[in-house]
Amino acid sequence: MDFRRTGRTTTAFLVLLLGALLLAGTTGAFATESLWNWVPAVFVLLGVWALVRSRGRNLTGPVMVIAVAGTVQLRNLGVVSDAQIEAWWPLFVVLFGLLLLVGRSRRRSRVEGTSGELDAIAVFGGADKRVTATDFTGGDVISIFGGSEIDLRDAEVSHPPAVIETVTLFGGTEFRVPPEWNVTVDVLAIFGGTEDSRRRETVNETPDLVVTGVTLFGGVEILD
């Protein structure tokens, strides 16, 4: 995959920030120790920005980024201790599960009586799925140190848009869709990226598919 086209603005900003802090520290221009304590706040702002940009449609990824980065920021400020984080970190897993359930509930409440959902999990491995549902509504795709290839070319969306939430960490996720589909990508990319590599043959003005979520050191690509 080539993840350079989108997500590079976010990545470039973070790299520039990191480089500026390192340069200031090595040259002695000013003390940077206190500034490092505020780096997690940048990721909190990125998560908030992703929520606002997607108007709440992208929920799981940004909320997890806000929760994790916010906890680290509170730790840096002395509000919570390392011992408390060690004791309560499973709450992040609980939150992740709840967000997945909320996303599924939102899809089902929007389109009742359909069964065309997708679930794919690739952890230290790969997931290869082909969807042929005529009432496809969306689903969840999780790729952690692995890759997922999802083929939607034979799927049909009866109540657009279908919404897929992706979580891609140190891996890659590919979606193959019909060339005429209008696809909106609302994925928060941190040190990674997203790309729509299709030949532009979109005929619909409203989106047929919305891809949301987060990618960290990985990427999400749309193919035909």
Protein backbone atom coordinates (compact mmCIF):
# COMPACT_ATOMS: atom_id res chain seq x y z
CA MET A 1 0.00 0.00 0.00
CA ASP A 2 0.99 3.61 -0.48
CA PHE A 3 -0.19 5.68 2.49
CA ARG A 4 1.46 8.95 1.56
CA ARG A 5 -1.39 10.86 -0.01
CA THR A 6 -3.63 11.36 2.98
CA GLY A 7 -2.75 11.44 6.63
CA ARG A 8 0.59 13.01 5.73
CA THR A 9 -0.47 16.42 7.03
CA THR A 10 -1.05 15.01 10.50
CA THR A 11 2.12 12.95 10.34
CA ALA A 12 4.17 15.89 9.05
CA PHE A 13 2.88 18.11 11.86
CA LEU A 14 3.80 15.54 14.51
CA VAL A 15 7.25 14.98 12.99
CA LEU A 16 7.89 18.72 12.80
CA LEU A 17 6.83 19.11 16.43
CA LEU A 18 9.10 16.27 17.50
CA GLY A 19 12.02 17.63 15.49
CA ALA A 20 11.59 21.13 16.87
CA LEU A 21 11.60 19.85 20.44
CA LEU A 22 14.66 17.69 19.83
CA LEU A 23 16.52 20.55 18.14
CA ALA A 24 15.69 22.98 20.93
CA GLY A 25 16.96 20.48 23.46
CA THR A 26 20.21 19.57 21.69
CA THR A 27 21.14 23.18 20.91
CA GLY A 28 20.22 24.44 24.35
CA ALA A 29 17.93 27.11 22.87
CA PHE A 30 15.56 26.60 25.78
CA ALA A 31 14.65 23.91 28.25
CA THR A 32 12.29 21.39 26.66
CA GLU A 33 11.72 19.04 29.58
CA SER A 34 8.45 20.70 30.56
CA LEU A 35 7.26 20.85 26.93
CA TRP A 36 7.55 17.07 26.56
CA ASN A 37 4.98 16.76 29.32
CA TRP A 38 2.39 18.37 27.04
CA VAL A 39 2.89 16.19 23.98
CA PRO A 40 -0.07 13.91 24.88
CA ALA A 41 -2.31 16.99 24.73
CA VAL A 42 -1.57 17.22 21.00
CA PHE A 43 -3.06 13.76 20.50
CA VAL A 44 -6.07 14.71 22.60
CA LEU A 45 -6.65 17.66 20.28
CA LEU A 46 -6.29 15.39 17.24
CA GLY A 47 -8.95 13.09 18.63
CA VAL A 48 -11.31 15.99 19.30
CA TRP A 49 -10.65 17.36 15.82
CA ALA A 50 -11.52 13.97 14.28
CA LEU A 51 -14.78 13.83 16.25
CA VAL A 52 -15.78 17.33 15.17
CA ARG A 53 -14.75 16.81 11.55
CA SER A 54 -16.84 13.65 11.25
CA ARG A 55 -19.71 15.19 13.24
CA GLY A 56 -19.59 12.29 15.66
CA ARG A 57 -19.71 9.66 12.94
CA ASN A 58 -16.13 8.59 13.66
CA LEU A 59 -16.43 7.53 17.29
CA THR A 60 -14.33 4.53 18.32
CA GLY A 61 -10.89 5.61 17.11
CA PRO A 62 -10.93 9.24 18.25
CA VAL A 63 -12.47 8.44 21.64
CA MET A 64 -9.79 5.80 22.31
CA VAL A 65 -7.05 8.26 21.31
CA ILE A 66 -8.55 10.90 23.62
CA ALA A 67 -8.87 8.42 26.50
CA VAL A 68 -5.34 7.03 26.26
CA ALA A 69 -3.59 10.33 25.51
CA GLY A 70 -5.69 12.13 28.11
CA THR A 71 -4.68 9.60 30.77
CA VAL A 72 -1.00 10.03 29.92
CA GLN A 73 -1.44 13.81 30.08
CA LEU A 74 -3.05 13.56 33.52
CA ARG A 75 -0.17 11.35 34.62
CA ASN A 76 2.35 13.94 33.40
CA LEU A 77 0.51 16.61 35.37
CA GLY A 78 0.54 14.47 38.51
CA VAL A 79 -3.24 14.04 38.62
CA VAL A 80 -3.01 10.23 38.38
CA SER A 81 -0.12 8.00 39.38
CA ASP A 82 1.63 5.15 37.61
CA ALA A 83 0.20 2.78 40.20
CA GLN A 84 -3.34 3.90 39.39
CA ILE A 85 -2.77 3.42 35.66
CA GLU A 86 -1.34 -0.07 36.27
CA ALA A 87 -4.41 -0.97 38.29
CA TRP A 88 -7.07 0.54 36.05
CA TRP A 89 -5.70 0.14 32.51
CA PRO A 90 -8.20 -2.68 31.70
CA LEU A 91 -10.82 0.05 31.59
CA PHE A 92 -9.40 0.97 28.18
CA VAL A 93 -10.33 -2.52 26.96
CA VAL A 94 -13.82 -2.12 28.44
CA LEU A 95 -14.19 1.27 26.76
CA PHE A 96 -13.08 -0.17 23.43
CA GLY A 97 -15.67 -2.92 23.66
CA LEU A 98 -18.40 -0.47 24.62
CA LEU A 99 -17.57 1.78 21.68
CA LEU A 100 -17.80 -1.17 19.30
CA LEU A 101 -21.21 -2.05 20.75
CA VAL A 102 -22.35 1.56 20.42
CA GLY A 103 -21.25 1.63 16.79
CA ARG A 104 -23.14 -1.56 16.05
CA SER A 105 -26.21 -0.32 17.87
CA ARG A 106 -26.15 2.91 15.86
CA ARG A 107 -26.02 0.98 12.59
CA ARG A 108 -28.87 -1.32 13.58
CA SER A 109 -31.06 1.51 14.85
CA ARG A 110 -30.56 3.35 11.55
CA VAL A 111 -31.52 0.34 9.45
CA GLU A 112 -33.71 -2.21 11.21
CA GLY A 113 -34.30 -5.74 10.01
CA THR A 114 -31.06 -6.19 8.05
CA SER A 115 -28.39 -8.84 8.50
CA GLY A 116 -25.65 -7.58 6.21
CA GLU A 117 -22.93 -6.84 8.76
CA LEU A 118 -19.19 -7.40 8.58
CA ASP A 119 -16.84 -8.47 11.37
CA ALA A 120 -13.16 -9.04 10.65
CA ILE A 121 -10.30 -9.32 13.14
CA ALA A 122 -6.64 -9.76 12.20
CA VAL A 123 -4.20 -9.88 15.14
CA PHE A 124 -0.66 -10.98 14.26
CA GLY A 125 -2.15 -12.48 11.12
CA GLY A 126 -4.48 -11.80 8.24
CA ALA A 127 -8.19 -11.65 7.54
CA ASP A 128 -9.63 -12.10 4.05
CA LYS A 129 -13.38 -11.67 3.68
CA ARG A 130 -15.78 -11.34 0.76
CA VAL A 131 -19.17 -9.74 1.36
CA THR A 132 -22.11 -10.58 -0.91
CA ALA A 133 -24.99 -9.21 1.17
CA THR A 134 -27.68 -7.29 -0.68
CA ASP A 135 -28.47 -5.27 2.45
CA PHE A 136 -24.95 -4.42 3.59
CA THR A 137 -24.99 -1.92 6.47
CA GLY A 138 -21.34 -1.88 7.59
CA GLY A 139 -19.33 -3.47 10.36
CA ASP A 140 -16.06 -3.54 12.26
CA VAL A 141 -12.58 -4.32 10.95
CA ILE A 142 -9.69 -4.62 13.42
CA SER A 143 -6.11 -5.10 12.17
CA ILE A 144 -3.37 -5.20 14.82
CA PHE A 145 0.10 -6.24 13.68
CA GLY A 146 -1.67 -7.83 10.74
CA GLY A 147 -3.65 -7.10 7.61
CA SER A 148 -7.26 -7.31 6.47
CA GLU A 149 -8.51 -7.55 2.90
CA ILE A 150 -12.22 -6.93 2.52
CA ASP A 151 -13.93 -7.48 -0.83
CA LEU A 152 -17.21 -5.56 -1.16
CA ARG A 153 -17.50 -5.66 -4.94
CA ASP A 154 -20.48 -8.02 -4.83
CA ALA A 155 -22.21 -6.24 -1.94
CA GLU A 156 -25.19 -3.93 -2.26
CA VAL A 157 -26.19 -1.09 0.07
CA SER A 158 -29.97 -0.80 0.26
CA HIS A 159 -29.95 2.04 2.80
CA PRO A 160 -26.83 4.15 2.19
CA PRO A 161 -24.45 4.87 3.62
CA ALA A 162 -22.99 1.69 5.05
CA VAL A 163 -20.57 2.51 7.86
CA ILE A 164 -17.41 0.54 8.62
CA GLU A 165 -15.34 1.27 11.72
CA THR A 166 -11.68 0.35 11.40
CA VAL A 167 -8.91 0.09 13.95
CA THR A 168 -5.54 -0.42 12.25
CA LEU A 169 -2.43 -0.57 14.45
CA PHE A 170 0.92 -1.45 12.90
CA GLY A 171 -0.85 -3.08 9.98
CA GLY A 172 -2.95 -2.45 6.92
CA THR A 173 -6.58 -2.66 5.83
CA GLU A 174 -7.75 -2.84 2.22
CA PHE A 175 -11.29 -2.43 0.95
CA ARG A 176 -12.22 -3.40 -2.60
CA VAL A 177 -15.44 -1.69 -3.61
CA PRO A 178 -17.51 -1.27 -6.79
CA PRO A 179 -16.03 1.54 -8.90
CA GLU A 180 -19.31 3.45 -8.91
CA TRP A 181 -19.50 3.68 -5.13
CA ASN A 182 -19.00 7.03 -3.48
CA VAL A 183 -16.71 6.39 -0.49
CA THR A 184 -16.08 8.85 2.33
CA VAL A 185 -13.02 8.19 4.51
CA ASP A 186 -13.13 9.70 8.03
CA VAL A 187 -10.22 7.72 9.48
CA LEU A 188 -7.94 9.49 11.97
CA ALA A 189 -4.40 8.74 10.73
CA ILE A 190 -1.49 9.10 13.17
CA PHE A 191 1.92 8.27 11.70
CA GLY A 192 0.03 6.49 8.95
CA GLY A 193 -2.43 7.34 6.22
CA THR A 194 -5.46 6.60 4.11
CA GLU A 195 -5.82 6.51 0.36
CA ASP A 196 -8.56 6.05 -2.22
CA SER A 197 -6.65 4.45 -5.13
CA ARG A 198 -9.64 3.80 -7.36
CA ARG A 199 -10.23 5.01 -10.87
CA ARG A 200 -12.73 7.81 -10.41
CA GLU A 201 -16.02 6.46 -11.75
CA THR A 202 -18.27 7.56 -8.90
CA VAL A 203 -21.83 8.15 -10.06
CA ASN A 204 -23.59 8.84 -6.75
CA GLU A 205 -23.49 12.20 -5.02
CA THR A 206 -24.31 10.81 -1.59
CA PRO A 207 -21.85 8.34 -0.03
CA ASP A 208 -22.53 4.63 -0.39
CA LEU A 209 -19.85 3.75 2.15
CA VAL A 210 -18.30 5.65 5.05
CA VAL A 211 -15.06 4.33 6.55
CA THR A 212 -14.26 5.66 10.02
CA GLY A 213 -11.84 4.75 12.80
CA VAL A 214 -8.15 5.23 13.48
CA THR A 215 -4.85 4.03 12.03
CA LEU A 216 -1.55 4.20 13.91
CA PHE A 217 1.67 3.29 12.08
CA GLY A 218 -0.42 1.67 9.39
CA GLY A 219 -2.88 2.53 6.66
CA VAL A 220 -6.29 2.09 5.11
CA GLU A 221 -6.69 1.88 1.33
CA ILE A 222 -9.74 1.86 -0.95
CA LEU A 223 -9.34 -0.16 -4.15
CA ASP A 224 -11.59 -1.27 -7.00
